[in-house]
């Protein structure tokens, strides 16, 4: 929900298990947080911290180290309906520093960090192996456990007769596999998500210009498909099969044809075709843009527009960037959900 009636906010930061919010406050120029959920992609949340280094403290006494763990967030106070103030906080998770850049003129240090994984090699090391007769949810749990993470699966579960990891990392393997079924993959705060996390719906009035700074909503559906045709090899029947989903009368220009799709049965082909049709037939290629003030927002979250006339009411956050600096601003990329 929007942090309406906000009185003040402050960045929170723990660095290598030390609470440094107050010590670093005079030096923080900006703190940004990015999270994304895109079909067929394996995303890791990331943060960027820009520090004022005019006094040289970060080149000497407080020299940053690659691999240090950051735990950032934001805390704010807002007015209640009843007299008095109420404090709220939003923790972004644990992040491992993987990028440090010193700049001179202006003198500053830019620190980048990615969502931390307890056993990073378990997710990033390329390997080849096969999994037989396993549900997709169980495979997610197994890969997450190998990296000492929690696995969360949100989607229609499927039984996989056989699936192969082919000289690729577990992260890339899972992104490829989940992409068959239209599911995004993300790494957030020591948790591996496949599918969209369960998040509260945000009701947003376009009349609240103290919250909605900018908005851009594309309405027409360009370059969408009315049908999907899949060609695959059926191992049981030992022959090439063609399966079509969607409008059988769709013109050639609005029919997506896919060859050598990695499915092994008619049931898998139906599921794959339906996911592709859902992804391409109900969404336009153009994304909406939204800029909010003083508002927590998460990738995958649904936004319900009010006071929007005949505009489509439901939109889904694909990517959001929260920036704390002179102001608390959230920039979001949206796709239609209705």
Protein backbone atom coordinates (compact mmCIF):
# COMPACT_ATOMS: atom_id res chain seq x y z
CA UNK A 1 0.00 0.00 0.00
CA UNK A 2 1.11 3.57 -0.55
CA UNK A 3 2.82 5.32 2.32
CA UNK A 4 0.21 8.08 2.28
CA UNK A 5 0.47 10.95 4.72
CA UNK A 6 4.21 10.33 5.01
CA UNK A 7 6.02 12.63 7.42
CA UNK A 8 9.62 11.52 6.86
CA UNK A 9 11.65 8.54 5.71
CA UNK A 10 15.19 7.25 6.18
CA UNK A 11 17.32 4.57 4.53
CA UNK A 12 18.19 1.51 6.60
CA UNK A 13 21.46 -0.33 6.05
CA UNK A 14 23.31 -3.18 7.72
CA UNK A 15 26.79 -3.77 6.29
CA UNK A 16 28.68 -6.99 7.14
CA UNK A 17 26.40 -7.48 10.17
CA UNK A 18 27.00 -3.92 11.42
CA UNK A 19 24.19 -1.37 11.62
CA UNK A 20 25.62 1.61 9.77
CA UNK A 21 22.51 3.65 8.89
CA UNK A 22 23.40 6.62 11.10
CA UNK A 23 27.15 6.52 10.37
CA UNK A 24 26.64 6.48 6.60
CA UNK A 25 23.68 8.88 6.47
CA UNK A 26 25.85 11.99 5.79
CA UNK A 27 27.51 10.23 2.84
CA UNK A 28 24.57 8.51 1.11
CA UNK A 29 23.76 10.26 -2.17
CA UNK A 30 21.33 7.60 -3.33
CA UNK A 31 20.21 4.05 -2.59
CA UNK A 32 18.30 2.09 -5.24
CA UNK A 33 16.59 -1.29 -5.29
CA UNK A 34 15.56 -3.20 -8.44
CA UNK A 35 13.47 -6.35 -8.68
CA UNK A 36 12.05 -7.98 -11.81
CA UNK A 37 9.80 -10.85 -12.83
CA UNK A 38 9.99 -11.66 -16.54
CA UNK A 39 8.85 -14.81 -18.25
CA UNK A 40 11.71 -17.05 -19.32
CA UNK A 41 14.24 -15.10 -17.24
CA UNK A 42 16.01 -15.86 -13.99
CA UNK A 43 16.30 -12.58 -12.14
CA UNK A 44 18.25 -11.61 -9.03
CA UNK A 45 17.23 -8.56 -7.04
CA UNK A 46 19.92 -5.90 -6.97
CA UNK A 47 20.80 -2.74 -5.10
CA UNK A 48 23.01 0.22 -5.92
CA UNK A 49 24.54 2.52 -3.31
CA UNK A 50 26.21 5.82 -4.23
CA UNK A 51 28.36 7.39 -1.48
CA UNK A 52 29.92 10.84 -1.31
CA UNK A 53 33.71 10.38 -1.13
CA UNK A 54 34.90 14.00 -1.17
CA UNK A 55 36.65 13.47 2.15
CA UNK A 56 38.31 10.26 0.95
CA UNK A 57 36.95 8.16 3.80
CA UNK A 58 35.95 5.29 1.49
CA UNK A 59 39.40 5.08 -0.11
CA UNK A 60 41.02 4.68 3.31
CA UNK A 61 39.23 4.01 6.59
CA UNK A 62 35.95 2.62 5.21
CA UNK A 63 37.24 0.91 2.07
CA UNK A 64 34.44 -1.36 0.76
CA UNK A 65 35.05 -5.06 0.14
CA UNK A 66 33.70 -7.32 -2.57
CA UNK A 67 31.64 -10.12 -1.03
CA UNK A 68 30.40 -8.06 1.93
CA UNK A 69 26.71 -8.56 2.72
CA UNK A 70 24.34 -5.58 2.65
CA UNK A 71 20.85 -5.59 4.18
CA UNK A 72 19.16 -2.36 3.04
CA UNK A 73 15.63 -1.01 3.32
CA UNK A 74 13.59 2.03 4.25
CA UNK A 75 11.73 3.14 7.37
CA UNK A 76 9.13 5.88 7.44
CA UNK A 77 6.60 7.62 9.64
CA UNK A 78 3.09 8.43 8.45
CA UNK A 79 0.03 10.02 9.94
CA UNK A 80 -2.73 7.75 11.17
CA UNK A 81 -6.45 8.41 10.85
CA UNK A 82 -6.40 8.90 14.62
CA UNK A 83 -4.02 11.39 16.27
CA UNK A 84 -0.40 10.27 16.44
CA UNK A 85 2.24 8.90 14.10
CA UNK A 86 3.00 5.33 13.08
CA UNK A 87 6.33 3.89 11.93
CA UNK A 88 6.62 1.33 9.14
CA UNK A 89 9.59 -0.38 7.52
CA UNK A 90 10.38 -2.27 4.32
CA UNK A 91 13.40 -4.60 4.28
CA UNK A 92 14.73 -5.47 0.80
CA UNK A 93 16.68 -8.61 1.74
CA UNK A 94 20.35 -9.67 1.78
CA UNK A 95 22.69 -8.65 -1.02
CA UNK A 96 26.30 -9.55 -1.81
CA UNK A 97 28.60 -6.79 -3.11
CA UNK A 98 29.89 -7.73 -6.55
CA UNK A 99 30.72 -4.33 -8.06
CA UNK A 100 32.74 -1.39 -6.66
CA UNK A 101 33.58 1.69 -8.72
CA UNK A 102 35.42 4.85 -7.57
CA UNK A 103 34.72 8.10 -9.40
CA UNK A 104 36.54 11.41 -9.18
CA UNK A 105 34.84 14.63 -10.22
CA UNK A 106 32.42 14.21 -8.53
CA UNK A 107 34.23 12.16 -5.89
CA UNK A 108 32.00 9.21 -5.09
CA UNK A 109 31.97 5.43 -4.82
CA UNK A 110 29.28 3.35 -6.53
CA UNK A 111 28.56 -0.04 -4.98
CA UNK A 112 26.46 -2.72 -6.66
CA UNK A 113 25.15 -5.88 -5.02
CA UNK A 114 23.04 -8.87 -6.05
CA UNK A 115 20.61 -10.93 -3.99
CA UNK A 116 22.76 -13.23 -1.87
CA UNK A 117 22.79 -17.01 -2.25
CA UNK A 118 24.18 -19.10 0.61
CA UNK A 119 25.92 -21.48 -1.82
CA UNK A 120 26.41 -19.44 -4.96
CA UNK A 121 28.33 -22.17 -6.83
CA UNK A 122 25.37 -24.51 -6.47
CA UNK A 123 23.28 -22.17 -8.63
CA UNK A 124 25.97 -20.81 -10.97
CA UNK A 125 28.17 -23.85 -11.75
CA UNK A 126 27.50 -25.41 -15.17
CA UNK A 127 26.72 -29.12 -15.05
CA UNK A 128 25.00 -31.88 -17.00
CA UNK A 129 22.50 -34.26 -15.41
CA UNK A 130 18.99 -35.66 -15.86
CA UNK A 131 15.88 -35.79 -13.67
CA UNK A 132 13.27 -38.50 -14.21
CA UNK A 133 9.63 -38.70 -13.15
CA UNK A 134 9.69 -35.55 -11.02
CA UNK A 135 7.17 -32.77 -10.47
CA UNK A 136 8.24 -29.26 -11.36
CA UNK A 137 7.56 -28.08 -7.79
CA UNK A 138 9.79 -30.87 -6.41
CA UNK A 139 12.57 -29.95 -8.84
CA UNK A 140 12.39 -26.33 -7.69
CA UNK A 141 12.63 -27.46 -4.06
CA UNK A 142 15.63 -29.69 -4.84
CA UNK A 143 17.59 -27.00 -6.71
CA UNK A 144 16.84 -24.46 -3.98
CA UNK A 145 17.95 -26.88 -1.24
CA UNK A 146 21.25 -27.48 -3.05
CA UNK A 147 21.96 -23.76 -2.65
CA UNK A 148 20.69 -23.66 0.96
CA UNK A 149 17.72 -21.58 -0.11
CA UNK A 150 13.99 -21.94 0.34
CA UNK A 151 12.07 -22.84 -2.81
CA UNK A 152 8.63 -21.35 -3.47
CA UNK A 153 6.57 -22.57 -6.44
CA UNK A 154 3.47 -20.68 -7.60
CA UNK A 155 1.96 -22.12 -10.74
CA UNK A 156 0.28 -25.16 -12.25
CA UNK A 157 2.37 -28.15 -11.23
CA UNK A 158 3.38 -30.67 -13.90
CA UNK A 159 4.93 -34.13 -13.83
CA UNK A 160 8.11 -34.25 -15.92
CA UNK A 161 8.88 -37.68 -17.39
CA UNK A 162 12.46 -36.67 -18.08
CA UNK A 163 14.24 -33.34 -18.19
CA UNK A 164 17.93 -32.66 -18.78
CA UNK A 165 20.28 -30.00 -17.49
CA UNK A 166 22.70 -29.55 -20.39
CA UNK A 167 26.08 -28.01 -19.54
CA UNK A 168 24.33 -25.05 -17.95
CA UNK A 169 23.93 -23.55 -14.49
CA UNK A 170 20.97 -24.51 -12.34
CA UNK A 171 19.77 -20.92 -12.65
CA UNK A 172 19.78 -21.02 -16.47
CA UNK A 173 18.33 -24.54 -16.51
CA UNK A 174 15.44 -23.51 -14.30
CA UNK A 175 14.77 -20.36 -16.33
CA UNK A 176 14.65 -22.43 -19.53
CA UNK A 177 12.38 -25.04 -17.99
CA UNK A 178 10.03 -22.56 -16.30
CA UNK A 179 9.83 -20.58 -19.53
CA UNK A 180 8.02 -23.52 -21.14
CA UNK A 181 5.13 -22.93 -18.79
CA UNK A 182 5.17 -19.13 -18.76
CA UNK A 183 6.69 -18.89 -15.27
CA UNK A 184 9.29 -16.31 -14.20
CA UNK A 185 12.21 -17.21 -11.91
CA UNK A 186 13.61 -14.85 -9.28
CA UNK A 187 16.01 -14.88 -6.36
CA UNK A 188 14.86 -12.73 -3.46
CA UNK A 189 16.21 -12.70 0.08
CA UNK A 190 17.57 -16.27 0.20
CA UNK A 191 14.44 -17.59 -1.52
CA UNK A 192 14.12 -19.07 -5.01
CA UNK A 193 10.76 -18.20 -6.55
CA UNK A 194 9.30 -19.91 -9.61
CA UNK A 195 6.08 -18.18 -10.58
CA UNK A 196 4.72 -14.93 -9.22
CA UNK A 197 4.93 -14.51 -5.42
CA UNK A 198 1.64 -13.98 -3.62
CA UNK A 199 1.41 -10.24 -3.12
CA UNK A 200 -1.34 -7.87 -1.98
CA UNK A 201 -3.12 -5.95 -4.73
CA UNK A 202 -2.43 -2.22 -4.78
CA UNK A 203 -5.48 0.00 -5.37
CA UNK A 204 -4.32 3.20 -7.00
CA UNK A 205 -6.39 6.29 -7.77
CA UNK A 206 -5.12 8.27 -10.75
CA UNK A 207 -6.49 11.37 -9.05
CA UNK A 208 -3.91 11.08 -6.27
CA UNK A 209 -1.22 13.20 -7.90
CA UNK A 210 0.61 13.37 -4.58
CA UNK A 211 1.26 9.65 -5.15
CA UNK A 212 1.11 9.24 -8.95
CA UNK A 213 3.83 11.47 -10.37
CA UNK A 214 3.75 10.12 -13.95
CA UNK A 215 1.88 7.38 -15.81
CA UNK A 216 1.80 5.99 -19.35
CA UNK A 217 -0.64 3.19 -20.26
CA UNK A 218 -0.62 1.64 -23.78
CA UNK A 219 -4.08 0.36 -24.66
CA UNK A 220 -3.88 -1.23 -28.11
CA UNK A 221 -2.60 -4.80 -28.47
CA UNK A 222 0.04 -4.73 -31.16
CA UNK A 223 1.93 -7.73 -32.51
CA UNK A 224 -0.14 -10.24 -30.57
CA UNK A 225 -1.02 -13.75 -31.71
CA UNK A 226 -4.42 -15.38 -32.02
CA UNK A 227 -3.09 -18.93 -32.38
CA UNK A 228 -0.02 -21.03 -31.60
CA UNK A 229 1.12 -24.05 -33.64
CA UNK A 230 3.65 -26.44 -32.10
CA UNK A 231 5.66 -29.09 -33.94
CA UNK A 232 7.19 -31.71 -31.65
CA UNK A 233 8.35 -35.32 -31.64
CA UNK A 234 6.12 -37.72 -29.71
CA UNK A 235 8.39 -40.42 -28.25
CA UNK A 236 5.55 -42.88 -27.59
CA UNK A 237 4.09 -42.65 -31.11
CA UNK A 238 7.57 -42.22 -32.62
CA UNK A 239 6.50 -39.54 -35.04
CA UNK A 240 6.34 -35.78 -35.53
CA UNK A 241 3.13 -34.21 -34.21
CA UNK A 242 1.55 -30.81 -34.90
CA UNK A 243 -0.69 -29.23 -32.27
CA UNK A 244 -2.60 -25.94 -32.55
CA UNK A 245 -4.13 -23.82 -29.79
CA UNK A 246 -6.22 -20.68 -30.06
CA UNK A 247 -8.30 -19.42 -32.95
CA UNK A 248 -8.14 -21.91 -35.86
CA UNK A 249 -9.15 -19.11 -38.22
CA UNK A 250 -6.33 -16.76 -37.18
CA UNK A 251 -4.46 -15.35 -40.20
CA UNK A 252 -0.87 -16.43 -40.83
CA UNK A 253 0.49 -13.10 -39.58
CA UNK A 254 -1.15 -13.64 -36.19
CA UNK A 255 -0.19 -17.31 -35.82
CA UNK A 256 2.95 -18.17 -33.86
CA UNK A 257 4.61 -21.34 -35.16
CA UNK A 258 7.21 -23.10 -33.00
CA UNK A 259 9.45 -25.94 -34.16
CA UNK A 260 11.32 -28.61 -32.17
CA UNK A 261 9.61 -27.60 -28.95
CA UNK A 262 11.05 -29.53 -25.94
CA UNK A 263 7.86 -31.45 -25.05
CA UNK A 264 7.35 -35.21 -25.12
CA UNK A 265 3.57 -35.73 -25.08
CA UNK A 266 0.28 -34.19 -26.19
CA UNK A 267 -0.47 -33.08 -22.63
CA UNK A 268 2.84 -31.22 -22.40
CA UNK A 269 2.26 -29.72 -25.85
CA UNK A 270 -1.16 -28.40 -24.81
CA UNK A 271 0.25 -26.88 -21.65
CA UNK A 272 3.16 -25.30 -23.51
CA UNK A 273 0.93 -23.90 -26.26
CA UNK A 274 -1.55 -22.47 -23.76
CA UNK A 275 1.24 -20.74 -21.83
CA UNK A 276 2.65 -19.24 -25.04
CA UNK A 277 -0.78 -18.10 -26.17
CA UNK A 278 -1.48 -16.55 -22.78
CA UNK A 279 1.84 -14.71 -22.84
CA UNK A 280 1.49 -13.38 -26.39
CA UNK A 281 -2.24 -13.14 -26.95
CA UNK A 282 -3.31 -11.06 -23.96
CA UNK A 283 -0.40 -8.63 -23.74
CA UNK A 284 0.86 -5.93 -26.05
CA UNK A 285 4.52 -5.50 -26.84
CA UNK A 286 4.54 -1.97 -25.42
CA UNK A 287 4.90 -1.69 -21.66
CA UNK A 288 3.25 0.85 -19.41
CA UNK A 289 5.27 3.15 -17.19
CA UNK A 290 4.41 4.40 -13.74
CA UNK A 291 6.21 6.69 -11.30
CA UNK A 292 5.01 6.71 -7.70
CA UNK A 293 6.05 8.78 -4.71
CA UNK A 294 6.54 7.33 -1.22
CA UNK A 295 5.11 3.93 -2.22
CA UNK A 296 6.45 0.40 -1.63
CA UNK A 297 6.00 -1.75 -4.74
CA UNK A 298 7.14 -5.23 -5.81
CA UNK A 299 7.64 -6.98 -9.14
CA UNK A 300 4.72 -9.30 -9.82
CA UNK A 301 2.30 -7.13 -7.85
CA UNK A 302 -1.09 -6.32 -9.38
CA UNK A 303 -2.18 -2.69 -9.52
CA UNK A 304 -5.91 -1.95 -9.68
CA UNK A 305 -6.58 1.49 -11.14
CA UNK A 306 -9.47 3.58 -9.88
CA UNK A 307 -10.75 6.92 -11.20
CA UNK A 308 -9.41 5.73 -14.57
CA UNK A 309 -12.54 5.84 -16.73
CA UNK A 310 -12.53 3.11 -19.40
CA UNK A 311 -8.83 2.28 -19.08
CA UNK A 312 -8.05 -1.39 -18.39
CA UNK A 313 -8.20 -1.60 -14.59
CA UNK A 314 -5.57 -4.28 -13.87
CA UNK A 315 -1.83 -3.96 -14.53
CA UNK A 316 1.07 -6.14 -13.40
CA UNK A 317 4.47 -4.85 -12.29
CA UNK A 318 7.20 -6.41 -14.44
CA UNK A 319 10.14 -4.42 -13.05
CA UNK A 320 10.34 -1.80 -10.33
CA UNK A 321 13.17 0.48 -9.25
CA UNK A 322 12.90 2.18 -5.87
CA UNK A 323 15.29 5.11 -5.35
CA UNK A 324 16.00 6.93 -2.10
CA UNK A 325 17.75 10.25 -2.47
CA UNK A 326 16.27 13.70 -2.32
CA UNK A 327 12.90 11.95 -2.66
CA UNK A 328 11.52 8.42 -2.37
CA UNK A 329 10.54 7.49 -5.93
CA UNK A 330 9.46 4.21 -7.50
CA UNK A 331 9.61 3.72 -11.28
CA UNK A 332 7.73 0.67 -12.55
CA UNK A 333 7.36 -1.09 -15.89
CA UNK A 334 3.87 -2.52 -16.31
CA UNK A 335 2.03 -5.01 -18.50
CA UNK A 336 -1.71 -5.33 -18.93
CA UNK A 337 -3.41 -7.92 -16.76
CA UNK A 338 -7.00 -7.30 -17.95
